[in-house]
């Protein structure tokens, strides 16, 4: 039986084309520019995402800990949607520091849905799907994400930053 979807979604209308915004989202080197959580420290690769099945590794920082996350691209429709499932990129992020669990999906998905809205405007919806995670992680506003901002606050900040870099 399929797991029930549990999602947090935030949308924002941005005065930029779907192609421009999608190109930013598909380039892991640009993710730090619009990260609203304050956890992202950069991408390890220097190539854009081009299809489902691609992976990209990012450097992260959370609660005093530096680590890597390996992201598996699970949706890729140019100009419309992109999403990935993060997995521990090093054993420091696995249960019991188990190196055999590196690269195994952590149980959630981040993504973006782009909807054209008139000439050179796009409604961008950021989606956090946490179907296989405990509801406890989102209690008290879901501050687990970085210890201070909630998931929702981080997503709102990400879309504000994406708006700024897309409309320069």
C-alpha atoms as a PDB file:
ATOM      1  CA  UNK A   1       0.000   0.000   0.000  1.00  0.00           C
ATOM      2  CA  UNK A   2       1.358   3.443  -0.926  1.00  0.00           C
ATOM      3  CA  UNK A   3       2.200   5.857   1.850  1.00  0.00           C
ATOM      4  CA  UNK A   4      -0.102   8.794   2.348  1.00  0.00           C
ATOM      5  CA  UNK A   5       1.394  12.058   1.168  1.00  0.00           C
ATOM      6  CA  UNK A   6       2.082  14.613   3.886  1.00  0.00           C
ATOM      7  CA  UNK A   7       3.061  17.948   2.418  1.00  0.00           C
ATOM      8  CA  UNK A   8       3.901  21.514   3.199  1.00  0.00           C
ATOM      9  CA  UNK A   9       3.495  23.855   0.224  1.00  0.00           C
ATOM     10  CA  UNK A  10       4.264  27.533  -0.254  1.00  0.00           C
ATOM     11  CA  UNK A  11       3.589  29.511  -3.430  1.00  0.00           C
ATOM     12  CA  UNK A  12       4.774  32.868  -4.711  1.00  0.00           C
ATOM     13  CA  UNK A  13       4.219  34.719  -7.976  1.00  0.00           C
ATOM     14  CA  UNK A  14       7.543  35.814  -9.470  1.00  0.00           C
ATOM     15  CA  UNK A  15       7.908  38.257 -12.346  1.00  0.00           C
ATOM     16  CA  UNK A  16      10.201  36.006 -14.383  1.00  0.00           C
ATOM     17  CA  UNK A  17       9.757  33.316 -17.026  1.00  0.00           C
ATOM     18  CA  UNK A  18       9.367  29.649 -16.142  1.00  0.00           C
ATOM     19  CA  UNK A  19      12.518  28.884 -18.151  1.00  0.00           C
ATOM     20  CA  UNK A  20      14.656  31.369 -16.210  1.00  0.00           C
ATOM     21  CA  UNK A  21      13.406  30.110 -12.852  1.00  0.00           C
ATOM     22  CA  UNK A  22      13.718  26.447 -13.848  1.00  0.00           C
ATOM     23  CA  UNK A  23      17.321  26.986 -14.960  1.00  0.00           C
ATOM     24  CA  UNK A  24      18.147  28.414 -11.522  1.00  0.00           C
ATOM     25  CA  UNK A  25      16.447  25.487  -9.748  1.00  0.00           C
ATOM     26  CA  UNK A  26      18.190  22.928 -11.986  1.00  0.00           C
ATOM     27  CA  UNK A  27      21.639  24.340 -11.158  1.00  0.00           C
ATOM     28  CA  UNK A  28      22.842  23.079  -7.758  1.00  0.00           C
ATOM     29  CA  UNK A  29      25.603  25.717  -7.806  1.00  0.00           C
ATOM     30  CA  UNK A  30      22.826  28.347  -7.429  1.00  0.00           C
ATOM     31  CA  UNK A  31      20.886  26.677  -4.610  1.00  0.00           C
ATOM     32  CA  UNK A  32      22.822  28.499  -1.901  1.00  0.00           C
ATOM     33  CA  UNK A  33      21.612  31.816  -3.373  1.00  0.00           C
ATOM     34  CA  UNK A  34      17.983  31.036  -2.537  1.00  0.00           C
ATOM     35  CA  UNK A  35      18.304  28.695   0.459  1.00  0.00           C
ATOM     36  CA  UNK A  36      16.003  30.090   3.145  1.00  0.00           C
ATOM     37  CA  UNK A  37      17.057  27.626   5.833  1.00  0.00           C
ATOM     38  CA  UNK A  38      20.620  28.934   6.158  1.00  0.00           C
ATOM     39  CA  UNK A  39      21.902  25.353   6.119  1.00  0.00           C
ATOM     40  CA  UNK A  40      23.283  25.057   2.583  1.00  0.00           C
ATOM     41  CA  UNK A  41      27.011  25.745   2.161  1.00  0.00           C
ATOM     42  CA  UNK A  42      27.487  24.929  -1.527  1.00  0.00           C
ATOM     43  CA  UNK A  43      27.326  22.228  -4.173  1.00  0.00           C
ATOM     44  CA  UNK A  44      30.017  19.656  -4.799  1.00  0.00           C
ATOM     45  CA  UNK A  45      29.327  19.346  -8.545  1.00  0.00           C
ATOM     46  CA  UNK A  46      29.572  21.964 -11.269  1.00  0.00           C
ATOM     47  CA  UNK A  47      26.904  20.797 -13.711  1.00  0.00           C
ATOM     48  CA  UNK A  48      23.172  21.366 -13.961  1.00  0.00           C
ATOM     49  CA  UNK A  49      20.587  18.679 -13.333  1.00  0.00           C
ATOM     50  CA  UNK A  50      19.413  17.249 -16.653  1.00  0.00           C
ATOM     51  CA  UNK A  51      17.027  14.366 -15.921  1.00  0.00           C
ATOM     52  CA  UNK A  52      15.408  11.988 -13.452  1.00  0.00           C
ATOM     53  CA  UNK A  53      18.090   9.744 -11.983  1.00  0.00           C
ATOM     54  CA  UNK A  54      20.716  12.480 -11.754  1.00  0.00           C
ATOM     55  CA  UNK A  55      22.323  13.019  -8.379  1.00  0.00           C
ATOM     56  CA  UNK A  56      23.957  16.051  -6.848  1.00  0.00           C
ATOM     57  CA  UNK A  57      25.776  16.433  -3.562  1.00  0.00           C
ATOM     58  CA  UNK A  58      25.567  19.553  -1.413  1.00  0.00           C
ATOM     59  CA  UNK A  59      27.514  20.714   1.608  1.00  0.00           C
ATOM     60  CA  UNK A  60      25.278  21.372   4.604  1.00  0.00           C
ATOM     61  CA  UNK A  61      25.556  22.795   8.115  1.00  0.00           C
ATOM     62  CA  UNK A  62      23.049  22.160  10.894  1.00  0.00           C
ATOM     63  CA  UNK A  63      23.341  22.809  14.604  1.00  0.00           C
ATOM     64  CA  UNK A  64      27.152  23.030  14.535  1.00  0.00           C
ATOM     65  CA  UNK A  65      27.633  19.998  12.276  1.00  0.00           C
ATOM     66  CA  UNK A  66      29.030  20.055   8.715  1.00  0.00           C
ATOM     67  CA  UNK A  67      27.961  17.178   6.483  1.00  0.00           C
ATOM     68  CA  UNK A  68      27.102  16.149   2.928  1.00  0.00           C
ATOM     69  CA  UNK A  69      23.689  15.309   1.457  1.00  0.00           C
ATOM     70  CA  UNK A  70      23.317  13.299  -1.721  1.00  0.00           C
ATOM     71  CA  UNK A  71      20.175  14.259  -3.630  1.00  0.00           C
ATOM     72  CA  UNK A  72      18.452  11.847  -6.030  1.00  0.00           C
ATOM     73  CA  UNK A  73      16.406  13.635  -8.719  1.00  0.00           C
ATOM     74  CA  UNK A  74      12.984  11.970  -8.856  1.00  0.00           C
ATOM     75  CA  UNK A  75      11.019  14.463 -10.970  1.00  0.00           C
ATOM     76  CA  UNK A  76      12.313  16.509 -13.870  1.00  0.00           C
ATOM     77  CA  UNK A  77      10.022  18.195 -16.371  1.00  0.00           C
ATOM     78  CA  UNK A  78      11.795  21.227 -17.867  1.00  0.00           C
ATOM     79  CA  UNK A  79       9.959  24.455 -17.168  1.00  0.00           C
ATOM     80  CA  UNK A  80       7.381  22.714 -14.967  1.00  0.00           C
ATOM     81  CA  UNK A  81       8.666  20.569 -12.067  1.00  0.00           C
ATOM     82  CA  UNK A  82      11.797  19.378 -10.362  1.00  0.00           C
ATOM     83  CA  UNK A  83      12.220  17.449  -7.125  1.00  0.00           C
ATOM     84  CA  UNK A  84      14.763  15.355  -5.294  1.00  0.00           C
ATOM     85  CA  UNK A  85      15.028  12.974  -2.370  1.00  0.00           C
ATOM     86  CA  UNK A  86      17.938  13.737  -0.025  1.00  0.00           C
ATOM     87  CA  UNK A  87      20.076  10.965   1.415  1.00  0.00           C
ATOM     88  CA  UNK A  88      23.014  11.070   3.824  1.00  0.00           C
ATOM     89  CA  UNK A  89      26.181  11.750   1.841  1.00  0.00           C
ATOM     90  CA  UNK A  90      28.470  10.635   4.645  1.00  0.00           C
ATOM     91  CA  UNK A  91      28.136   8.265   7.577  1.00  0.00           C
ATOM     92  CA  UNK A  92      27.921  11.104  10.140  1.00  0.00           C
ATOM     93  CA  UNK A  93      24.258  11.563   9.111  1.00  0.00           C
ATOM     94  CA  UNK A  94      23.221   7.905   9.308  1.00  0.00           C
ATOM     95  CA  UNK A  95      21.796   6.074  12.292  1.00  0.00           C
ATOM     96  CA  UNK A  96      24.727   4.690  14.269  1.00  0.00           C
ATOM     97  CA  UNK A  97      27.205   6.332  11.842  1.00  0.00           C
ATOM     98  CA  UNK A  98      26.663   3.295   9.597  1.00  0.00           C
ATOM     99  CA  UNK A  99      28.567   3.707   6.288  1.00  0.00           C
ATOM    100  CA  UNK A 100      26.301   1.110   4.628  1.00  0.00           C
ATOM    101  CA  UNK A 101      23.392   3.563   4.918  1.00  0.00           C
ATOM    102  CA  UNK A 102      25.107   6.369   2.988  1.00  0.00           C
ATOM    103  CA  UNK A 103      23.044   7.240  -0.086  1.00  0.00           C
ATOM    104  CA  UNK A 104      19.797   5.695   1.178  1.00  0.00           C
ATOM    105  CA  UNK A 105      16.916   8.184   0.944  1.00  0.00           C
ATOM    106  CA  UNK A 106      16.101   9.945   4.215  1.00  0.00           C
ATOM    107  CA  UNK A 107      12.319   9.683   3.751  1.00  0.00           C
ATOM    108  CA  UNK A 108      11.359  13.087   2.410  1.00  0.00           C
ATOM    109  CA  UNK A 109      11.327  15.059  -0.831  1.00  0.00           C
ATOM    110  CA  UNK A 110      11.918  18.699  -1.777  1.00  0.00           C
ATOM    111  CA  UNK A 111      10.620  20.082  -5.034  1.00  0.00           C
ATOM    112  CA  UNK A 112       9.259  22.940  -7.073  1.00  0.00           C
ATOM    113  CA  UNK A 113       6.245  23.229  -9.352  1.00  0.00           C
ATOM    114  CA  UNK A 114       6.250  26.081 -11.875  1.00  0.00           C
ATOM    115  CA  UNK A 115       3.045  27.432 -13.393  1.00  0.00           C
ATOM    116  CA  UNK A 116       3.172  30.170 -16.056  1.00  0.00           C
ATOM    117  CA  UNK A 117       1.062  33.188 -15.062  1.00  0.00           C
ATOM    118  CA  UNK A 118       0.862  35.652 -17.933  1.00  0.00           C
ATOM    119  CA  UNK A 119       3.788  37.052 -19.886  1.00  0.00           C
ATOM    120  CA  UNK A 120       7.079  36.500 -18.064  1.00  0.00           C
ATOM    121  CA  UNK A 121       5.546  35.635 -14.703  1.00  0.00           C
ATOM    122  CA  UNK A 122       5.475  32.313 -12.865  1.00  0.00           C
ATOM    123  CA  UNK A 123       3.745  30.944  -9.803  1.00  0.00           C
ATOM    124  CA  UNK A 124       6.436  28.934  -8.012  1.00  0.00           C
ATOM    125  CA  UNK A 125       5.272  26.366  -5.475  1.00  0.00           C
ATOM    126  CA  UNK A 126       7.870  24.841  -3.193  1.00  0.00           C
ATOM    127  CA  UNK A 127       6.830  21.420  -1.876  1.00  0.00           C
ATOM    128  CA  UNK A 128       8.188  19.515   1.104  1.00  0.00           C
ATOM    129  CA  UNK A 129       6.737  15.984   1.149  1.00  0.00           C
ATOM    130  CA  UNK A 130       7.520  14.115   4.356  1.00  0.00           C
ATOM    131  CA  UNK A 131       5.303  11.050   3.839  1.00  0.00           C
ATOM    132  CA  UNK A 132       7.549   8.573   5.634  1.00  0.00           C
ATOM    133  CA  UNK A 133       8.676  10.845   8.474  1.00  0.00           C
ATOM    134  CA  UNK A 134       7.105  11.152  11.885  1.00  0.00           C
ATOM    135  CA  UNK A 135       4.571  13.918  12.491  1.00  0.00           C
ATOM    136  CA  UNK A 136       6.650  14.759  15.585  1.00  0.00           C
ATOM    137  CA  UNK A 137       9.266  16.367  13.340  1.00  0.00           C
ATOM    138  CA  UNK A 138       6.829  19.118  12.394  1.00  0.00           C
ATOM    139  CA  UNK A 139       5.492  19.813  15.880  1.00  0.00           C
ATOM    140  CA  UNK A 140       6.304  23.273  17.252  1.00  0.00           C
ATOM    141  CA  UNK A 141       6.495  24.558  13.683  1.00  0.00           C
ATOM    142  CA  UNK A 142       9.000  21.990  12.453  1.00  0.00           C
ATOM    143  CA  UNK A 143      12.098  23.719  13.801  1.00  0.00           C
ATOM    144  CA  UNK A 144      14.080  20.492  13.266  1.00  0.00           C
ATOM    145  CA  UNK A 145      15.085  21.832   9.888  1.00  0.00           C
ATOM    146  CA  UNK A 146      17.739  24.166  11.307  1.00  0.00           C
ATOM    147  CA  UNK A 147      16.980  24.579  14.986  1.00  0.00           C
ATOM    148  CA  UNK A 148      15.410  28.026  14.663  1.00  0.00           C
ATOM    149  CA  UNK A 149      13.254  28.487  11.542  1.00  0.00           C
ATOM    150  CA  UNK A 150      10.251  26.307  10.873  1.00  0.00           C
ATOM    151  CA  UNK A 151       9.937  24.390   7.612  1.00  0.00           C
ATOM    152  CA  UNK A 152       7.282  26.884   6.509  1.00  0.00           C
ATOM    153  CA  UNK A 153       9.408  29.938   7.425  1.00  0.00           C
ATOM    154  CA  UNK A 154      12.391  28.484   5.576  1.00  0.00           C
ATOM    155  CA  UNK A 155      10.276  27.818   2.486  1.00  0.00           C
ATOM    156  CA  UNK A 156       8.826  31.350   2.493  1.00  0.00           C
ATOM    157  CA  UNK A 157      12.359  32.756   2.782  1.00  0.00           C
ATOM    158  CA  UNK A 158      13.558  30.534  -0.079  1.00  0.00           C
ATOM    159  CA  UNK A 159      10.845  31.809  -2.408  1.00  0.00           C
ATOM    160  CA  UNK A 160      11.569  35.426  -1.411  1.00  0.00           C
ATOM    161  CA  UNK A 161      15.243  34.895  -2.282  1.00  0.00           C
ATOM    162  CA  UNK A 162      14.373  33.089  -5.514  1.00  0.00           C
ATOM    163  CA  UNK A 163      12.196  36.072  -6.440  1.00  0.00           C
ATOM    164  CA  UNK A 164      15.091  38.490  -5.840  1.00  0.00           C
ATOM    165  CA  UNK A 165      17.641  36.561  -7.904  1.00  0.00           C
ATOM    166  CA  UNK A 166      15.136  35.870 -10.705  1.00  0.00           C
ATOM    167  CA  UNK A 167      14.134  39.493 -11.168  1.00  0.00           C
ATOM    168  CA  UNK A 168      17.558  41.204 -11.018  1.00  0.00           C
END
